[in-house]
């Protein structure tokens, strides 16, 4: 079975982007699978994990380096 892999990075960023409100990886995966075309699932997973490791960390966000900052609902909260 193919799906969206939801680790801590993928879950955190998906919540910050407003794609899900869930903490449970199974529920996050279901939300993402409903939003994304099946052909994008694997690439989305890898991009989120890398973005979470390098830029959008749990602590110490690097908003200046974030290519998604203009689209991210959490960006306003981070800059306060």
PDB file of N, CA and C in Angstrom:
ATOM      1  N   UNK A   1       0.844  -1.179   0.000  1.00  0.00           N
ATOM      2  CA  UNK A   1       0.000   0.000   0.000  1.00  0.00           C
ATOM      3  C   UNK A   1       0.889   1.240   0.000  1.00  0.00           C
ATOM      4  N   UNK A   2       0.563   2.181  -0.840  1.00  0.00           N
ATOM      5  CA  UNK A   2       1.310   3.431  -0.947  1.00  0.00           C
ATOM      6  C   UNK A   2       0.512   4.510  -0.224  1.00  0.00           C
ATOM      7  N   UNK A   3       1.226   5.381   0.459  1.00  0.00           N
ATOM      8  CA  UNK A   3       0.581   6.480   1.154  1.00  0.00           C
ATOM      9  C   UNK A   3       1.580   7.593   1.402  1.00  0.00           C
ATOM     10  N   UNK A   4       1.196   8.549   2.180  1.00  0.00           N
ATOM     11  CA  UNK A   4       2.076   9.638   2.584  1.00  0.00           C
ATOM     12  C   UNK A   4       2.684   9.247   3.929  1.00  0.00           C
ATOM     13  N   UNK A   5       3.991   9.220   3.996  1.00  0.00           N
ATOM     14  CA  UNK A   5       4.658   8.890   5.251  1.00  0.00           C
ATOM     15  C   UNK A   5       4.617  10.123   6.146  1.00  0.00           C
ATOM     16  N   UNK A   6       4.131   9.951   7.357  1.00  0.00           N
ATOM     17  CA  UNK A   6       3.994  11.082   8.279  1.00  0.00           C
ATOM     18  C   UNK A   6       4.896  10.843   9.483  1.00  0.00           C
ATOM     19  N   UNK A   7       6.062  11.480   9.458  1.00  0.00           N
ATOM     20  CA  UNK A   7       6.947  11.460  10.628  1.00  0.00           C
ATOM     21  C   UNK A   7       6.707  12.759  11.392  1.00  0.00           C
ATOM     22  N   UNK A   8       7.552  13.040  12.365  1.00  0.00           N
ATOM     23  CA  UNK A   8       7.343  14.256  13.165  1.00  0.00           C
ATOM     24  C   UNK A   8       7.435  15.516  12.311  1.00  0.00           C
ATOM     25  N   UNK A   9       8.360  15.528  11.344  1.00  0.00           N
ATOM     26  CA  UNK A   9       8.517  16.705  10.483  1.00  0.00           C
ATOM     27  C   UNK A   9       7.290  16.898   9.596  1.00  0.00           C
ATOM     28  N   UNK A  10       6.871  15.838   8.927  1.00  0.00           N
ATOM     29  CA  UNK A  10       5.732  15.917   8.005  1.00  0.00           C
ATOM     30  C   UNK A  10       4.462  16.324   8.743  1.00  0.00           C
ATOM     31  N   UNK A  11       4.251  15.778   9.921  1.00  0.00           N
ATOM     32  CA  UNK A  11       3.071  16.139  10.708  1.00  0.00           C
ATOM     33  C   UNK A  11       3.106  17.586  11.152  1.00  0.00           C
ATOM     34  N   UNK A  12       4.250  18.024  11.674  1.00  0.00           N
ATOM     35  CA  UNK A  12       4.383  19.394  12.176  1.00  0.00           C
ATOM     36  C   UNK A  12       4.180  20.411  11.052  1.00  0.00           C
ATOM     37  N   UNK A  13       4.818  20.197   9.925  1.00  0.00           N
ATOM     38  CA  UNK A  13       4.721  21.161   8.828  1.00  0.00           C
ATOM     39  C   UNK A  13       3.327  21.151   8.215  1.00  0.00           C
ATOM     40  N   UNK A  14       2.730  19.991   8.096  1.00  0.00           N
ATOM     41  CA  UNK A  14       1.366  19.914   7.559  1.00  0.00           C
ATOM     42  C   UNK A  14       0.385  20.669   8.448  1.00  0.00           C
ATOM     43  N   UNK A  15       0.592  20.598   9.759  1.00  0.00           N
ATOM     44  CA  UNK A  15      -0.261  21.374  10.673  1.00  0.00           C
ATOM     45  C   UNK A  15       0.020  22.863  10.523  1.00  0.00           C
ATOM     46  N   UNK A  16       1.278  23.239  10.439  1.00  0.00           N
ATOM     47  CA  UNK A  16       1.626  24.661  10.306  1.00  0.00           C
ATOM     48  C   UNK A  16       1.072  25.248   9.019  1.00  0.00           C
ATOM     49  N   UNK A  17       1.042  24.452   7.954  1.00  0.00           N
ATOM     50  CA  UNK A  17       0.520  24.926   6.678  1.00  0.00           C
ATOM     51  C   UNK A  17      -1.003  24.895   6.622  1.00  0.00           C
ATOM     52  N   UNK A  18      -1.616  24.320   7.632  1.00  0.00           N
ATOM     53  CA  UNK A  18      -3.068  24.263   7.685  1.00  0.00           C
ATOM     54  C   UNK A  18      -3.679  23.117   6.897  1.00  0.00           C
ATOM     55  N   UNK A  19      -2.870  22.120   6.531  1.00  0.00           N
ATOM     56  CA  UNK A  19      -3.370  20.978   5.771  1.00  0.00           C
ATOM     57  C   UNK A  19      -4.070  19.954   6.658  1.00  0.00           C
ATOM     58  N   UNK A  20      -3.828  20.019   7.951  1.00  0.00           N
ATOM     59  CA  UNK A  20      -4.468  19.117   8.897  1.00  0.00           C
ATOM     60  C   UNK A  20      -4.499  19.788  10.263  1.00  0.00           C
ATOM     61  N   UNK A  21      -5.367  19.296  11.099  1.00  0.00           N
ATOM     62  CA  UNK A  21      -5.401  19.782  12.482  1.00  0.00           C
ATOM     63  C   UNK A  21      -5.098  18.637  13.443  1.00  0.00           C
ATOM     64  N   UNK A  22      -4.794  17.477  12.889  1.00  0.00           N
ATOM     65  CA  UNK A  22      -4.591  16.278  13.693  1.00  0.00           C
ATOM     66  C   UNK A  22      -3.137  16.085  14.125  1.00  0.00           C
ATOM     67  N   UNK A  23      -2.973  15.390  15.252  1.00  0.00           N
ATOM     68  CA  UNK A  23      -1.653  14.981  15.734  1.00  0.00           C
ATOM     69  C   UNK A  23      -1.378  13.515  15.424  1.00  0.00           C
ATOM     70  N   UNK A  24      -2.423  12.739  15.274  1.00  0.00           N
ATOM     71  CA  UNK A  24      -2.307  11.311  14.986  1.00  0.00           C
ATOM     72  C   UNK A  24      -1.812  11.129  13.550  1.00  0.00           C
ATOM     73  N   UNK A  25      -0.644  10.476  13.347  1.00  0.00           N
ATOM     74  CA  UNK A  25      -0.085  10.310  12.006  1.00  0.00           C
ATOM     75  C   UNK A  25      -1.038   9.649  11.013  1.00  0.00           C
ATOM     76  N   UNK A  26      -1.863   8.724  11.459  1.00  0.00           N
ATOM     77  CA  UNK A  26      -2.811   8.055  10.560  1.00  0.00           C
ATOM     78  C   UNK A  26      -3.851   9.056  10.046  1.00  0.00           C
ATOM     79  N   UNK A  27      -4.313   9.934  10.918  1.00  0.00           N
ATOM     80  CA  UNK A  27      -5.290  10.951  10.519  1.00  0.00           C
ATOM     81  C   UNK A  27      -4.642  12.014   9.638  1.00  0.00           C
ATOM     82  N   UNK A  28      -3.402  12.389   9.956  1.00  0.00           N
ATOM     83  CA  UNK A  28      -2.674  13.350   9.122  1.00  0.00           C
ATOM     84  C   UNK A  28      -2.489  12.762   7.726  1.00  0.00           C
ATOM     85  N   UNK A  29      -2.089  11.497   7.671  1.00  0.00           N
ATOM     86  CA  UNK A  29      -1.908  10.837   6.384  1.00  0.00           C
ATOM     87  C   UNK A  29      -3.205  10.860   5.570  1.00  0.00           C
ATOM     88  N   UNK A  30      -4.311  10.552   6.190  1.00  0.00           N
ATOM     89  CA  UNK A  30      -5.598  10.551   5.486  1.00  0.00           C
ATOM     90  C   UNK A  30      -5.924  11.946   4.944  1.00  0.00           C
ATOM     91  N   UNK A  31      -5.671  12.982   5.736  1.00  0.00           N
ATOM     92  CA  UNK A  31      -5.919  14.352   5.282  1.00  0.00           C
ATOM     93  C   UNK A  31      -5.044  14.691   4.072  1.00  0.00           C
ATOM     94  N   UNK A  32      -3.767  14.325   4.148  1.00  0.00           N
ATOM     95  CA  UNK A  32      -2.843  14.641   3.062  1.00  0.00           C
ATOM     96  C   UNK A  32      -3.174  13.854   1.796  1.00  0.00           C
ATOM     97  N   UNK A  33      -3.546  12.594   1.957  1.00  0.00           N
ATOM     98  CA  UNK A  33      -3.894  11.777   0.800  1.00  0.00           C
ATOM     99  C   UNK A  33      -5.134  12.322   0.104  1.00  0.00           C
ATOM    100  N   UNK A  34      -6.017  12.945   0.852  1.00  0.00           N
ATOM    101  CA  UNK A  34      -7.221  13.549   0.258  1.00  0.00           C
ATOM    102  C   UNK A  34      -6.897  14.852  -0.476  1.00  0.00           C
ATOM    103  N   UNK A  35      -5.840  15.540  -0.050  1.00  0.00           N
ATOM    104  CA  UNK A  35      -5.463  16.820  -0.654  1.00  0.00           C
ATOM    105  C   UNK A  35      -4.555  16.686  -1.866  1.00  0.00           C
ATOM    106  N   UNK A  36      -3.682  15.700  -1.837  1.00  0.00           N
ATOM    107  CA  UNK A  36      -2.637  15.570  -2.854  1.00  0.00           C
ATOM    108  C   UNK A  36      -2.961  14.496  -3.874  1.00  0.00           C
ATOM    109  N   UNK A  37      -2.536  14.700  -5.122  1.00  0.00           N
ATOM    110  CA  UNK A  37      -2.681  13.613  -6.085  1.00  0.00           C
ATOM    111  C   UNK A  37      -1.739  12.468  -5.700  1.00  0.00           C
ATOM    112  N   UNK A  38      -2.158  11.259  -5.968  1.00  0.00           N
ATOM    113  CA  UNK A  38      -1.383  10.078  -5.603  1.00  0.00           C
ATOM    114  C   UNK A  38       0.060  10.143  -6.116  1.00  0.00           C
ATOM    115  N   UNK A  39       0.260  10.722  -7.280  1.00  0.00           N
ATOM    116  CA  UNK A  39       1.596  10.807  -7.874  1.00  0.00           C
ATOM    117  C   UNK A  39       2.528  11.727  -7.081  1.00  0.00           C
ATOM    118  N   UNK A  40       1.987  12.561  -6.196  1.00  0.00           N
ATOM    119  CA  UNK A  40       2.796  13.509  -5.420  1.00  0.00           C
ATOM    120  C   UNK A  40       3.116  13.014  -4.013  1.00  0.00           C
ATOM    121  N   UNK A  41       2.514  11.924  -3.583  1.00  0.00           N
ATOM    122  CA  UNK A  41       2.663  11.472  -2.203  1.00  0.00           C
ATOM    123  C   UNK A  41       4.113  11.259  -1.790  1.00  0.00           C
ATOM    124  N   UNK A  42       4.874  10.522  -2.569  1.00  0.00           N
ATOM    125  CA  UNK A  42       6.251  10.203  -2.192  1.00  0.00           C
ATOM    126  C   UNK A  42       7.126  11.455  -2.170  1.00  0.00           C
ATOM    127  N   UNK A  43       7.037  12.267  -3.211  1.00  0.00           N
ATOM    128  CA  UNK A  43       7.846  13.488  -3.268  1.00  0.00           C
ATOM    129  C   UNK A  43       7.476  14.455  -2.141  1.00  0.00           C
ATOM    130  N   UNK A  44       6.187  14.583  -1.858  1.00  0.00           N
ATOM    131  CA  UNK A  44       5.735  15.460  -0.778  1.00  0.00           C
ATOM    132  C   UNK A  44       6.351  15.021   0.548  1.00  0.00           C
ATOM    133  N   UNK A  45       6.329  13.723   0.792  1.00  0.00           N
ATOM    134  CA  UNK A  45       6.916  13.183   2.020  1.00  0.00           C
ATOM    135  C   UNK A  45       8.375  13.589   2.157  1.00  0.00           C
ATOM    136  N   UNK A  46       9.156  13.356   1.118  1.00  0.00           N
ATOM    137  CA  UNK A  46      10.590  13.671   1.168  1.00  0.00           C
ATOM    138  C   UNK A  46      10.842  15.165   1.325  1.00  0.00           C
ATOM    139  N   UNK A  47      10.073  15.969   0.626  1.00  0.00           N
ATOM    140  CA  UNK A  47      10.252  17.423   0.724  1.00  0.00           C
ATOM    141  C   UNK A  47       9.929  17.942   2.128  1.00  0.00           C
ATOM    142  N   UNK A  48       8.861  17.423   2.724  1.00  0.00           N
ATOM    143  CA  UNK A  48       8.504  17.855   4.074  1.00  0.00           C
ATOM    144  C   UNK A  48       9.560  17.467   5.096  1.00  0.00           C
ATOM    145  N   UNK A  49      10.055  16.259   4.991  1.00  0.00           N
ATOM    146  CA  UNK A  49      11.076  15.793   5.936  1.00  0.00           C
ATOM    147  C   UNK A  49      12.324  16.661   5.824  1.00  0.00           C
ATOM    148  N   UNK A  50      12.784  16.902   4.602  1.00  0.00           N
ATOM    149  CA  UNK A  50      13.974  17.739   4.412  1.00  0.00           C
ATOM    150  C   UNK A  50      13.736  19.173   4.876  1.00  0.00           C
ATOM    151  N   UNK A  51      12.572  19.727   4.565  1.00  0.00           N
ATOM    152  CA  UNK A  51      12.245  21.086   4.983  1.00  0.00           C
ATOM    153  C   UNK A  51      12.191  21.180   6.514  1.00  0.00           C
ATOM    154  N   UNK A  52      11.637  20.158   7.138  1.00  0.00           N
ATOM    155  CA  UNK A  52      11.553  20.133   8.598  1.00  0.00           C
ATOM    156  C   UNK A  52      12.902  20.022   9.274  1.00  0.00           C
ATOM    157  N   UNK A  53      13.807  19.309   8.653  1.00  0.00           N
ATOM    158  CA  UNK A  53      15.156  19.167   9.225  1.00  0.00           C
ATOM    159  C   UNK A  53      15.997  20.419   9.039  1.00  0.00           C
ATOM    160  N   UNK A  54      15.834  21.093   7.900  1.00  0.00           N
ATOM    161  CA  UNK A  54      16.716  22.203   7.565  1.00  0.00           C
ATOM    162  C   UNK A  54      16.165  23.583   7.909  1.00  0.00           C
ATOM    163  N   UNK A  55      14.843  23.775   7.794  1.00  0.00           N
ATOM    164  CA  UNK A  55      14.287  25.121   7.903  1.00  0.00           C
ATOM    165  C   UNK A  55      13.209  25.240   8.970  1.00  0.00           C
ATOM    166  N   UNK A  56      12.188  24.438   8.865  1.00  0.00           N
ATOM    167  CA  UNK A  56      11.002  24.573   9.720  1.00  0.00           C
ATOM    168  C   UNK A  56      11.094  23.606  10.899  1.00  0.00           C
ATOM    169  N   UNK A  57      11.969  23.936  11.807  1.00  0.00           N
ATOM    170  CA  UNK A  57      12.231  23.066  12.947  1.00  0.00           C
ATOM    171  C   UNK A  57      11.202  23.299  14.052  1.00  0.00           C
ATOM    172  N   UNK A  58      11.120  22.349  14.958  1.00  0.00           N
ATOM    173  CA  UNK A  58      10.176  22.467  16.063  1.00  0.00           C
ATOM    174  C   UNK A  58      10.480  23.711  16.898  1.00  0.00           C
ATOM    175  N   UNK A  59      11.733  23.996  17.066  1.00  0.00           N
ATOM    176  CA  UNK A  59      12.184  25.201  17.780  1.00  0.00           C
ATOM    177  C   UNK A  59      13.167  25.928  16.885  1.00  0.00           C
ATOM    178  N   UNK A  60      13.155  27.216  16.922  1.00  0.00           N
ATOM    179  CA  UNK A  60      14.120  27.987  16.141  1.00  0.00           C
ATOM    180  C   UNK A  60      13.824  27.987  14.661  1.00  0.00           C
ATOM    181  N   UNK A  61      12.604  28.394  14.283  1.00  0.00           N
ATOM    182  CA  UNK A  61      12.244  28.466  12.873  1.00  0.00           C
ATOM    183  C   UNK A  61      13.193  29.407  12.149  1.00  0.00           C
ATOM    184  N   UNK A  62      13.476  29.096  10.903  1.00  0.00           N
ATOM    185  CA  UNK A  62      14.331  29.945  10.085  1.00  0.00           C
ATOM    186  C   UNK A  62      13.464  30.603   9.030  1.00  0.00           C
ATOM    187  N   UNK A  63      12.607  31.518   9.448  1.00  0.00           N
ATOM    188  CA  UNK A  63      11.634  32.140   8.557  1.00  0.00           C
ATOM    189  C   UNK A  63      12.325  32.857   7.402  1.00  0.00           C
ATOM    190  N   UNK A  64      13.456  33.471   7.640  1.00  0.00           N
ATOM    191  CA  UNK A  64      14.159  34.190   6.583  1.00  0.00           C
ATOM    192  C   UNK A  64      14.562  33.265   5.440  1.00  0.00           C
ATOM    193  N   UNK A  65      14.789  31.990   5.729  1.00  0.00           N
ATOM    194  CA  UNK A  65      15.194  31.017   4.708  1.00  0.00           C
ATOM    195  C   UNK A  65      14.014  30.218   4.161  1.00  0.00           C
ATOM    196  N   UNK A  66      12.830  30.437   4.683  1.00  0.00           N
ATOM    197  CA  UNK A  66      11.683  29.605   4.328  1.00  0.00           C
ATOM    198  C   UNK A  66      11.058  30.062   3.014  1.00  0.00           C
ATOM    199  N   UNK A  67      11.043  29.162   2.035  1.00  0.00           N
ATOM    200  CA  UNK A  67      10.438  29.469   0.740  1.00  0.00           C
ATOM    201  C   UNK A  67       8.914  29.429   0.797  1.00  0.00           C
ATOM    202  N   UNK A  68       8.367  28.932   1.886  1.00  0.00           N
ATOM    203  CA  UNK A  68       6.916  28.848   2.045  1.00  0.00           C
ATOM    204  C   UNK A  68       6.366  29.931   2.968  1.00  0.00           C
ATOM    205  N   UNK A  69       7.201  30.818   3.441  1.00  0.00           N
ATOM    206  CA  UNK A  69       6.805  31.807   4.442  1.00  0.00           C
ATOM    207  C   UNK A  69       5.595  32.636   4.011  1.00  0.00           C
ATOM    208  N   UNK A  70       5.518  33.016   2.749  1.00  0.00           N
ATOM    209  CA  UNK A  70       4.398  33.826   2.278  1.00  0.00           C
ATOM    210  C   UNK A  70       3.081  33.056   2.261  1.00  0.00           C
ATOM    211  N   UNK A  71       3.149  31.736   2.202  1.00  0.00           N
ATOM    212  CA  UNK A  71       1.965  30.888   2.119  1.00  0.00           C
ATOM    213  C   UNK A  71       1.573  30.293   3.461  1.00  0.00           C
ATOM    214  N   UNK A  72       2.447  30.409   4.437  1.00  0.00           N
ATOM    215  CA  UNK A  72       2.281  29.675   5.691  1.00  0.00           C
ATOM    216  C   UNK A  72       1.472  30.473   6.711  1.00  0.00           C
ATOM    217  N   UNK A  73       0.316  29.937   7.134  1.00  0.00           N
ATOM    218  CA  UNK A  73      -0.476  30.616   8.150  1.00  0.00           C
ATOM    219  C   UNK A  73       0.284  30.768   9.473  1.00  0.00           C
ATOM    220  N   UNK A  74       1.236  29.883   9.739  1.00  0.00           N
ATOM    221  CA  UNK A  74       2.008  29.938  10.986  1.00  0.00           C
ATOM    222  C   UNK A  74       3.063  31.031  10.951  1.00  0.00           C
ATOM    223  N   UNK A  75       3.407  31.528   9.796  1.00  0.00           N
ATOM    224  CA  UNK A  75       4.453  32.541   9.671  1.00  0.00           C
ATOM    225  C   UNK A  75       4.119  33.776  10.491  1.00  0.00           C
ATOM    226  N   UNK A  76       2.876  34.194  10.494  1.00  0.00           N
ATOM    227  CA  UNK A  76       2.471  35.362  11.275  1.00  0.00           C
ATOM    228  C   UNK A  76       2.699  35.128  12.758  1.00  0.00           C
ATOM    229  N   UNK A  77       2.434  33.926  13.229  1.00  0.00           N
ATOM    230  CA  UNK A  77       2.635  33.599  14.636  1.00  0.00           C
ATOM    231  C   UNK A  77       4.112  33.574  14.996  1.00  0.00           C
ATOM    232  N   UNK A  78       4.948  33.108  14.065  1.00  0.00           N
ATOM    233  CA  UNK A  78       6.380  32.996  14.308  1.00  0.00           C
ATOM    234  C   UNK A  78       7.012  34.380  14.426  1.00  0.00           C
ATOM    235  N   UNK A  79       6.551  35.343  13.637  1.00  0.00           N
ATOM    236  CA  UNK A  79       7.177  36.659  13.587  1.00  0.00           C
ATOM    237  C   UNK A  79       6.798  37.551  14.756  1.00  0.00           C
ATOM    238  N   UNK A  80       5.816  37.155  15.563  1.00  0.00           N
ATOM    239  CA  UNK A  80       5.400  37.985  16.707  1.00  0.00           C
ATOM    240  C   UNK A  80       6.412  37.977  17.799  1.00  0.00           C
TER     241      UNK A  80
END
